[in-house]
Structure formats: C-alpha cells, structure tokens
C-alpha cells in the first residue's frame, strides 16, 4: 500500500544537546527532507540519525551530508543540483 511518497524518520538523541537544540536540528532535517521528496522513489523509507555535530552544523552542511548519504545508497543522483532556497545558511 503506497501512501504517496517516501517516508522519513528522524532520530535526534539527547547527545545532540538540550531540547531546544534537538528540536532545532529536527526542524532543519525535516526541511531538508521535504525538499527531497520528489527526487526519491515513493516506496522508500529513510531513517536519519543526527550526531552531536549536527547541533553546530550549518543547514547547508546538513543538506550536503544527507544528499551525500542518499547518493552513496544509490537513491539520489550525486550530480543533481541543490534547489535554491532548500537549505539556509
């Protein structure tokens, strides 16, 4: 049964930082994932685990790392351009 697109799960543990920081990281990752929905197969399930460095990383770096991981898995074309405005600095 397909529900219309890839599904993303986020794991942002206490190791990333206090609640405010964890929620900020989760919001940034959700924004990045929203920009990837059209580029991924609809039956794909992806779980992202944020490491402590995500707390201080810029959104552009998080976006680059997510895209790099998906490209290594063969789910995303590594040469695909990053849409403008998909990740803020």
PDB file of N, CA and C in Angstrom:
ATOM      1  N   UNK A   1       0.844  -1.174   0.000  1.00  0.00           N
ATOM      2  CA  UNK A   1       0.000   0.000   0.000  1.00  0.00           C
ATOM      3  C   UNK A   1       0.891   1.239   0.000  1.00  0.00           C
ATOM      4  N   UNK A   2       0.753   2.084  -0.989  1.00  0.00           N
ATOM      5  CA  UNK A   2       1.540   3.305  -1.088  1.00  0.00           C
ATOM      6  C   UNK A   2       0.725   4.476  -0.560  1.00  0.00           C
ATOM      7  N   UNK A   3       1.394   5.355   0.171  1.00  0.00           N
ATOM      8  CA  UNK A   3       0.705   6.484   0.766  1.00  0.00           C
ATOM      9  C   UNK A   3       1.124   7.796   0.121  1.00  0.00           C
ATOM     10  N   UNK A   4       1.855   7.737  -0.965  1.00  0.00           N
ATOM     11  CA  UNK A   4       2.127   8.946  -1.704  1.00  0.00           C
ATOM     12  C   UNK A   4       3.536   9.492  -1.697  1.00  0.00           C
ATOM     13  N   UNK A   5       4.478   8.836  -1.122  1.00  0.00           N
ATOM     14  CA  UNK A   5       5.830   9.369  -1.174  1.00  0.00           C
ATOM     15  C   UNK A   5       6.760   8.676  -0.215  1.00  0.00           C
ATOM     16  N   UNK A   6       8.025   9.026  -0.275  1.00  0.00           N
ATOM     17  CA  UNK A   6       8.981   8.422   0.659  1.00  0.00           C
ATOM     18  C   UNK A   6       8.672   8.859   2.088  1.00  0.00           C
ATOM     19  N   UNK A   7       9.034   8.006   3.038  1.00  0.00           N
ATOM     20  CA  UNK A   7       8.826   8.332   4.449  1.00  0.00           C
ATOM     21  C   UNK A   7      10.186   8.550   5.106  1.00  0.00           C
ATOM     22  N   UNK A   8      10.236   9.536   5.986  1.00  0.00           N
ATOM     23  CA  UNK A   8      11.461   9.864   6.697  1.00  0.00           C
ATOM     24  C   UNK A   8      11.232   9.711   8.190  1.00  0.00           C
ATOM     25  N   UNK A   9      12.215   9.134   8.871  1.00  0.00           N
ATOM     26  CA  UNK A   9      12.208   9.070  10.328  1.00  0.00           C
ATOM     27  C   UNK A   9      13.446   9.781  10.823  1.00  0.00           C
ATOM     28  N   UNK A  10      13.300  10.535  11.900  1.00  0.00           N
ATOM     29  CA  UNK A  10      14.429  11.280  12.449  1.00  0.00           C
ATOM     30  C   UNK A  10      14.718  10.798  13.860  1.00  0.00           C
ATOM     31  N   UNK A  11      16.000  10.578  14.153  1.00  0.00           N
ATOM     32  CA  UNK A  11      16.438  10.216  15.492  1.00  0.00           C
ATOM     33  C   UNK A  11      17.396  11.309  15.942  1.00  0.00           C
ATOM     34  N   UNK A  12      16.957  12.089  16.917  1.00  0.00           N
ATOM     35  CA  UNK A  12      17.782  13.175  17.448  1.00  0.00           C
ATOM     36  C   UNK A  12      17.845  12.962  18.962  1.00  0.00           C
ATOM     37  N   UNK A  13      18.908  12.307  19.418  1.00  0.00           N
ATOM     38  CA  UNK A  13      19.012  11.926  20.828  1.00  0.00           C
ATOM     39  C   UNK A  13      19.510  13.076  21.697  1.00  0.00           C
ATOM     40  N   UNK A  14      19.498  12.830  22.992  1.00  0.00           N
ATOM     41  CA  UNK A  14      19.972  13.826  23.953  1.00  0.00           C
ATOM     42  C   UNK A  14      21.453  14.130  23.785  1.00  0.00           C
ATOM     43  N   UNK A  15      22.180  13.263  23.107  1.00  0.00           N
ATOM     44  CA  UNK A  15      23.602  13.505  22.855  1.00  0.00           C
ATOM     45  C   UNK A  15      23.803  14.737  21.965  1.00  0.00           C
ATOM     46  N   UNK A  16      22.783  15.099  21.191  1.00  0.00           N
ATOM     47  CA  UNK A  16      22.872  16.262  20.298  1.00  0.00           C
ATOM     48  C   UNK A  16      22.843  17.557  21.112  1.00  0.00           C
ATOM     49  N   UNK A  17      22.134  17.563  22.222  1.00  0.00           N
ATOM     50  CA  UNK A  17      22.070  18.753  23.062  1.00  0.00           C
ATOM     51  C   UNK A  17      20.753  18.820  23.805  1.00  0.00           C
ATOM     52  N   UNK A  18      20.516  19.933  24.470  1.00  0.00           N
ATOM     53  CA  UNK A  18      19.248  20.106  25.192  1.00  0.00           C
ATOM     54  C   UNK A  18      18.063  20.175  24.224  1.00  0.00           C
ATOM     55  N   UNK A  19      16.873  20.146  24.779  1.00  0.00           N
ATOM     56  CA  UNK A  19      15.648  20.058  23.971  1.00  0.00           C
ATOM     57  C   UNK A  19      15.554  21.120  22.884  1.00  0.00           C
ATOM     58  N   UNK A  20      15.907  22.351  23.203  1.00  0.00           N
ATOM     59  CA  UNK A  20      15.803  23.432  22.217  1.00  0.00           C
ATOM     60  C   UNK A  20      16.688  23.132  21.005  1.00  0.00           C
ATOM     61  N   UNK A  21      17.892  22.668  21.244  1.00  0.00           N
ATOM     62  CA  UNK A  21      18.826  22.353  20.166  1.00  0.00           C
ATOM     63  C   UNK A  21      18.334  21.134  19.388  1.00  0.00           C
ATOM     64  N   UNK A  22      17.876  20.109  20.092  1.00  0.00           N
ATOM     65  CA  UNK A  22      17.376  18.900  19.414  1.00  0.00           C
ATOM     66  C   UNK A  22      16.214  19.233  18.493  1.00  0.00           C
ATOM     67  N   UNK A  23      15.294  20.064  18.960  1.00  0.00           N
ATOM     68  CA  UNK A  23      14.141  20.437  18.136  1.00  0.00           C
ATOM     69  C   UNK A  23      14.570  21.275  16.946  1.00  0.00           C
ATOM     70  N   UNK A  24      15.559  22.146  17.131  1.00  0.00           N
ATOM     71  CA  UNK A  24      16.069  22.946  16.017  1.00  0.00           C
ATOM     72  C   UNK A  24      16.683  22.037  14.955  1.00  0.00           C
ATOM     73  N   UNK A  25      17.480  21.069  15.384  1.00  0.00           N
ATOM     74  CA  UNK A  25      18.094  20.124  14.445  1.00  0.00           C
ATOM     75  C   UNK A  25      17.005  19.334  13.719  1.00  0.00           C
ATOM     76  N   UNK A  26      15.999  18.873  14.439  1.00  0.00           N
ATOM     77  CA  UNK A  26      14.914  18.104  13.819  1.00  0.00           C
ATOM     78  C   UNK A  26      14.164  18.955  12.792  1.00  0.00           C
ATOM     79  N   UNK A  27      13.902  20.224  13.114  1.00  0.00           N
ATOM     80  CA  UNK A  27      13.212  21.111  12.151  1.00  0.00           C
ATOM     81  C   UNK A  27      14.043  21.294  10.894  1.00  0.00           C
ATOM     82  N   UNK A  28      15.358  21.481  11.061  1.00  0.00           N
ATOM     83  CA  UNK A  28      16.226  21.668   9.903  1.00  0.00           C
ATOM     84  C   UNK A  28      16.256  20.402   9.051  1.00  0.00           C
ATOM     85  N   UNK A  29      16.320  19.249   9.684  1.00  0.00           N
ATOM     86  CA  UNK A  29      16.331  17.996   8.932  1.00  0.00           C
ATOM     87  C   UNK A  29      14.995  17.767   8.221  1.00  0.00           C
ATOM     88  N   UNK A  30      13.877  18.100   8.878  1.00  0.00           N
ATOM     89  CA  UNK A  30      12.568  17.962   8.219  1.00  0.00           C
ATOM     90  C   UNK A  30      12.486  18.847   6.987  1.00  0.00           C
ATOM     91  N   UNK A  31      13.021  20.056   7.084  1.00  0.00           N
ATOM     92  CA  UNK A  31      13.022  20.977   5.943  1.00  0.00           C
ATOM     93  C   UNK A  31      13.841  20.392   4.790  1.00  0.00           C
ATOM     94  N   UNK A  32      14.978  19.812   5.107  1.00  0.00           N
ATOM     95  CA  UNK A  32      15.822  19.185   4.079  1.00  0.00           C
ATOM     96  C   UNK A  32      15.088  18.007   3.444  1.00  0.00           C
ATOM     97  N   UNK A  33      14.464  17.173   4.273  1.00  0.00           N
ATOM     98  CA  UNK A  33      13.741  16.004   3.764  1.00  0.00           C
ATOM     99  C   UNK A  33      12.580  16.413   2.860  1.00  0.00           C
ATOM    100  N   UNK A  34      11.893  17.483   3.222  1.00  0.00           N
ATOM    101  CA  UNK A  34      10.770  17.954   2.402  1.00  0.00           C
ATOM    102  C   UNK A  34      11.234  18.303   0.994  1.00  0.00           C
ATOM    103  N   UNK A  35      12.445  18.822   0.878  1.00  0.00           N
ATOM    104  CA  UNK A  35      12.979  19.164  -0.433  1.00  0.00           C
ATOM    105  C   UNK A  35      13.432  17.964  -1.246  1.00  0.00           C
ATOM    106  N   UNK A  36      13.513  16.803  -0.617  1.00  0.00           N
ATOM    107  CA  UNK A  36      13.977  15.596  -1.303  1.00  0.00           C
ATOM    108  C   UNK A  36      12.844  14.670  -1.732  1.00  0.00           C
ATOM    109  N   UNK A  37      11.642  14.952  -1.318  1.00  0.00           N
ATOM    110  CA  UNK A  37      10.505  14.049  -1.572  1.00  0.00           C
ATOM    111  C   UNK A  37      10.347  13.722  -3.052  1.00  0.00           C
ATOM    112  N   UNK A  38      10.425  14.714  -3.909  1.00  0.00           N
ATOM    113  CA  UNK A  38      10.209  14.498  -5.337  1.00  0.00           C
ATOM    114  C   UNK A  38      11.352  13.727  -5.997  1.00  0.00           C
ATOM    115  N   UNK A  39      12.539  13.757  -5.396  1.00  0.00           N
ATOM    116  CA  UNK A  39      13.716  13.133  -6.006  1.00  0.00           C
ATOM    117  C   UNK A  39      13.901  11.674  -5.621  1.00  0.00           C
ATOM    118  N   UNK A  40      13.099  11.172  -4.684  1.00  0.00           N
ATOM    119  CA  UNK A  40      13.280   9.809  -4.182  1.00  0.00           C
ATOM    120  C   UNK A  40      12.117   8.912  -4.592  1.00  0.00           C
ATOM    121  N   UNK A  41      12.382   7.610  -4.740  1.00  0.00           N
ATOM    122  CA  UNK A  41      11.294   6.671  -5.052  1.00  0.00           C
ATOM    123  C   UNK A  41      10.224   6.705  -3.953  1.00  0.00           C
ATOM    124  N   UNK A  42       8.973   6.595  -4.345  1.00  0.00           N
ATOM    125  CA  UNK A  42       7.868   6.748  -3.394  1.00  0.00           C
ATOM    126  C   UNK A  42       7.821   5.645  -2.341  1.00  0.00           C
ATOM    127  N   UNK A  43       8.388   4.487  -2.619  1.00  0.00           N
ATOM    128  CA  UNK A  43       8.326   3.377  -1.659  1.00  0.00           C
ATOM    129  C   UNK A  43       9.505   3.365  -0.687  1.00  0.00           C
ATOM    130  N   UNK A  44      10.288   4.429  -0.664  1.00  0.00           N
ATOM    131  CA  UNK A  44      11.496   4.484   0.154  1.00  0.00           C
ATOM    132  C   UNK A  44      11.199   4.904   1.592  1.00  0.00           C
ATOM    133  N   UNK A  45      11.804   4.195   2.543  1.00  0.00           N
ATOM    134  CA  UNK A  45      11.768   4.567   3.957  1.00  0.00           C
ATOM    135  C   UNK A  45      13.192   4.931   4.362  1.00  0.00           C
ATOM    136  N   UNK A  46      13.383   6.100   4.933  1.00  0.00           N
ATOM    137  CA  UNK A  46      14.712   6.587   5.295  1.00  0.00           C
ATOM    138  C   UNK A  46      14.694   7.011   6.759  1.00  0.00           C
ATOM    139  N   UNK A  47      15.705   6.560   7.512  1.00  0.00           N
ATOM    140  CA  UNK A  47      15.867   6.978   8.902  1.00  0.00           C
ATOM    141  C   UNK A  47      17.176   7.747   9.004  1.00  0.00           C
ATOM    142  N   UNK A  48      17.101   8.972   9.496  1.00  0.00           N
ATOM    143  CA  UNK A  48      18.281   9.810   9.684  1.00  0.00           C
ATOM    144  C   UNK A  48      18.572   9.908  11.177  1.00  0.00           C
ATOM    145  N   UNK A  49      19.808   9.646  11.545  1.00  0.00           N
ATOM    146  CA  UNK A  49      20.231   9.769  12.940  1.00  0.00           C
ATOM    147  C   UNK A  49      21.181  10.952  13.036  1.00  0.00           C
ATOM    148  N   UNK A  50      20.775  11.957  13.791  1.00  0.00           N
ATOM    149  CA  UNK A  50      21.603  13.144  13.961  1.00  0.00           C
ATOM    150  C   UNK A  50      22.696  12.866  14.988  1.00  0.00           C
ATOM    151  N   UNK A  51      23.917  13.178  14.641  1.00  0.00           N
ATOM    152  CA  UNK A  51      25.045  13.058  15.556  1.00  0.00           C
ATOM    153  C   UNK A  51      25.240  14.390  16.284  1.00  0.00           C
ATOM    154  N   UNK A  52      26.003  14.405  17.372  1.00  0.00           N
ATOM    155  CA  UNK A  52      26.173  15.652  18.128  1.00  0.00           C
ATOM    156  C   UNK A  52      26.654  16.840  17.295  1.00  0.00           C
ATOM    157  N   UNK A  53      27.446  16.610  16.272  1.00  0.00           N
ATOM    158  CA  UNK A  53      27.924  17.701  15.421  1.00  0.00           C
ATOM    159  C   UNK A  53      26.815  18.420  14.679  1.00  0.00           C
ATOM    160  N   UNK A  54      25.649  17.800  14.562  1.00  0.00           N
ATOM    161  CA  UNK A  54      24.519  18.433  13.870  1.00  0.00           C
ATOM    162  C   UNK A  54      24.051  19.682  14.597  1.00  0.00           C
ATOM    163  N   UNK A  55      24.324  19.758  15.896  1.00  0.00           N
ATOM    164  CA  UNK A  55      23.887  20.914  16.686  1.00  0.00           C
ATOM    165  C   UNK A  55      24.561  22.197  16.233  1.00  0.00           C
ATOM    166  N   UNK A  56      25.795  22.107  15.755  1.00  0.00           N
ATOM    167  CA  UNK A  56      26.533  23.310  15.362  1.00  0.00           C
ATOM    168  C   UNK A  56      26.725  23.436  13.856  1.00  0.00           C
ATOM    169  N   UNK A  57      26.323  22.414  13.111  1.00  0.00           N
ATOM    170  CA  UNK A  57      26.489  22.438  11.654  1.00  0.00           C
ATOM    171  C   UNK A  57      25.495  23.412  11.028  1.00  0.00           C
ATOM    172  N   UNK A  58      25.922  24.058   9.960  1.00  0.00           N
ATOM    173  CA  UNK A  58      25.017  24.930   9.206  1.00  0.00           C
ATOM    174  C   UNK A  58      24.033  24.064   8.421  1.00  0.00           C
ATOM    175  N   UNK A  59      22.883  24.619   8.107  1.00  0.00           N
ATOM    176  CA  UNK A  59      21.872  23.885   7.349  1.00  0.00           C
ATOM    177  C   UNK A  59      22.414  23.404   6.009  1.00  0.00           C
ATOM    178  N   UNK A  60      23.229  24.227   5.380  1.00  0.00           N
ATOM    179  CA  UNK A  60      23.807  23.860   4.084  1.00  0.00           C
ATOM    180  C   UNK A  60      24.673  22.604   4.222  1.00  0.00           C
ATOM    181  N   UNK A  61      25.431  22.499   5.319  1.00  0.00           N
ATOM    182  CA  UNK A  61      26.274  21.326   5.555  1.00  0.00           C
ATOM    183  C   UNK A  61      25.420  20.094   5.845  1.00  0.00           C
ATOM    184  N   UNK A  62      24.355  20.254   6.624  1.00  0.00           N
ATOM    185  CA  UNK A  62      23.451  19.130   6.885  1.00  0.00           C
ATOM    186  C   UNK A  62      22.837  18.627   5.576  1.00  0.00           C
ATOM    187  N   UNK A  63      22.405  19.556   4.742  1.00  0.00           N
ATOM    188  CA  UNK A  63      21.818  19.197   3.460  1.00  0.00           C
ATOM    189  C   UNK A  63      22.833  18.418   2.609  1.00  0.00           C
ATOM    190  N   UNK A  64      24.060  18.905   2.579  1.00  0.00           N
ATOM    191  CA  UNK A  64      25.117  18.249   1.808  1.00  0.00           C
ATOM    192  C   UNK A  64      25.360  16.826   2.321  1.00  0.00           C
ATOM    193  N   UNK A  65      25.379  16.649   3.645  1.00  0.00           N
ATOM    194  CA  UNK A  65      25.626  15.332   4.214  1.00  0.00           C
ATOM    195  C   UNK A  65      24.470  14.375   3.952  1.00  0.00           C
ATOM    196  N   UNK A  66      23.240  14.855   4.060  1.00  0.00           N
ATOM    197  CA  UNK A  66      22.077  13.996   3.784  1.00  0.00           C
ATOM    198  C   UNK A  66      22.096  13.555   2.326  1.00  0.00           C
ATOM    199  N   UNK A  67      22.316  14.502   1.425  1.00  0.00           N
ATOM    200  CA  UNK A  67      22.359  14.172   0.000  1.00  0.00           C
ATOM    201  C   UNK A  67      23.499  13.210  -0.323  1.00  0.00           C
ATOM    202  N   UNK A  68      24.648  13.405   0.318  1.00  0.00           N
ATOM    203  CA  UNK A  68      25.792  12.524   0.102  1.00  0.00           C
ATOM    204  C   UNK A  68      25.466  11.092   0.541  1.00  0.00           C
ATOM    205  N   UNK A  69      24.837  10.956   1.696  1.00  0.00           N
ATOM    206  CA  UNK A  69      24.448   9.626   2.183  1.00  0.00           C
ATOM    207  C   UNK A  69      23.452   8.944   1.263  1.00  0.00           C
ATOM    208  N   UNK A  70      22.472   9.688   0.786  1.00  0.00           N
ATOM    209  CA  UNK A  70      21.478   9.122  -0.124  1.00  0.00           C
ATOM    210  C   UNK A  70      22.108   8.745  -1.459  1.00  0.00           C
ATOM    211  N   UNK A  71      23.093   9.523  -1.904  1.00  0.00           N
ATOM    212  CA  UNK A  71      23.797   9.210  -3.152  1.00  0.00           C
ATOM    213  C   UNK A  71      24.610   7.930  -2.992  1.00  0.00           C
ATOM    214  N   UNK A  72      25.262   7.762  -1.824  1.00  0.00           N
ATOM    215  CA  UNK A  72      26.031   6.533  -1.577  1.00  0.00           C
ATOM    216  C   UNK A  72      25.142   5.304  -1.583  1.00  0.00           C
ATOM    217  N   UNK A  73      23.899   5.473  -1.178  1.00  0.00           N
ATOM    218  CA  UNK A  73      22.938   4.365  -1.184  1.00  0.00           C
ATOM    219  C   UNK A  73      22.323   4.137  -2.562  1.00  0.00           C
ATOM    220  N   UNK A  74      22.638   5.029  -3.500  1.00  0.00           N
ATOM    221  CA  UNK A  74      22.091   4.910  -4.841  1.00  0.00           C
ATOM    222  C   UNK A  74      20.667   5.417  -4.967  1.00  0.00           C
ATOM    223  N   UNK A  75      20.223   6.206  -4.002  1.00  0.00           N
ATOM    224  CA  UNK A  75      18.853   6.721  -4.021  1.00  0.00           C
ATOM    225  C   UNK A  75      18.742   8.106  -4.627  1.00  0.00           C
ATOM    226  N   UNK A  76      19.878   8.774  -4.779  1.00  0.00           N
ATOM    227  CA  UNK A  76      19.865  10.149  -5.260  1.00  0.00           C
ATOM    228  C   UNK A  76      21.038  10.339  -6.202  1.00  0.00           C
ATOM    229  N   UNK A  77      20.815  11.060  -7.273  1.00  0.00           N
ATOM    230  CA  UNK A  77      21.883  11.350  -8.232  1.00  0.00           C
ATOM    231  C   UNK A  77      22.830  12.369  -7.600  1.00  0.00           C
ATOM    232  N   UNK A  78      24.112  12.007  -7.414  1.00  0.00           N
ATOM    233  CA  UNK A  78      25.041  12.938  -6.761  1.00  0.00           C
ATOM    234  C   UNK A  78      25.266  14.221  -7.554  1.00  0.00           C
ATOM    235  N   UNK A  79      25.017  14.205  -8.855  1.00  0.00           N
ATOM    236  CA  UNK A  79      25.211  15.388  -9.685  1.00  0.00           C
ATOM    237  C   UNK A  79      23.971  16.289  -9.709  1.00  0.00           C
ATOM    238  N   UNK A  80      22.885  15.834  -9.061  1.00  0.00           N
ATOM    239  CA  UNK A  80      21.657  16.619  -9.062  1.00  0.00           C
ATOM    240  C   UNK A  80      21.877  17.940  -8.347  1.00  0.00           C
ATOM    241  N   UNK A  81      21.458  19.033  -8.953  1.00  0.00           N
ATOM    242  CA  UNK A  81      21.657  20.333  -8.321  1.00  0.00           C
ATOM    243  C   UNK A  81      20.796  20.482  -7.071  1.00  0.00           C
ATOM    244  N   UNK A  82      21.294  21.230  -6.122  1.00  0.00           N
ATOM    245  CA  UNK A  82      20.533  21.534  -4.918  1.00  0.00           C
ATOM    246  C   UNK A  82      19.593  22.661  -5.262  1.00  0.00           C
ATOM    247  N   UNK A  83      18.279  22.467  -5.061  1.00  0.00           N
ATOM    248  CA  UNK A  83      17.332  23.559  -5.378  1.00  0.00           C
ATOM    249  C   UNK A  83      17.656  24.797  -4.575  1.00  0.00           C
ATOM    250  N   UNK A  84      17.532  25.953  -5.197  1.00  0.00           N
ATOM    251  CA  UNK A  84      17.819  27.191  -4.478  1.00  0.00           C
ATOM    252  C   UNK A  84      16.804  27.374  -3.366  1.00  0.00           C
ATOM    253  N   UNK A  85      17.310  27.793  -2.216  1.00  0.00           N
ATOM    254  CA  UNK A  85      16.434  28.016  -1.071  1.00  0.00           C
ATOM    255  C   UNK A  85      16.098  26.759  -0.316  1.00  0.00           C
ATOM    256  N   UNK A  86      16.669  25.596  -0.686  1.00  0.00           N
ATOM    257  CA  UNK A  86      16.315  24.365   0.013  1.00  0.00           C
ATOM    258  C   UNK A  86      16.983  24.268   1.363  1.00  0.00           C
ATOM    259  N   UNK A  87      18.089  24.953   1.542  1.00  0.00           N
ATOM    260  CA  UNK A  87      18.761  24.938   2.850  1.00  0.00           C
ATOM    261  C   UNK A  87      19.331  26.312   3.110  1.00  0.00           C
ATOM    262  N   UNK A  88      18.998  26.840   4.263  1.00  0.00           N
ATOM    263  CA  UNK A  88      19.533  28.148   4.577  1.00  0.00           C
ATOM    264  C   UNK A  88      20.857  28.021   5.287  1.00  0.00           C
ATOM    265  N   UNK A  89      21.630  29.073   5.227  1.00  0.00           N
ATOM    266  CA  UNK A  89      22.955  29.049   5.861  1.00  0.00           C
ATOM    267  C   UNK A  89      22.873  29.238   7.340  1.00  0.00           C
TER     268      UNK A  89
END
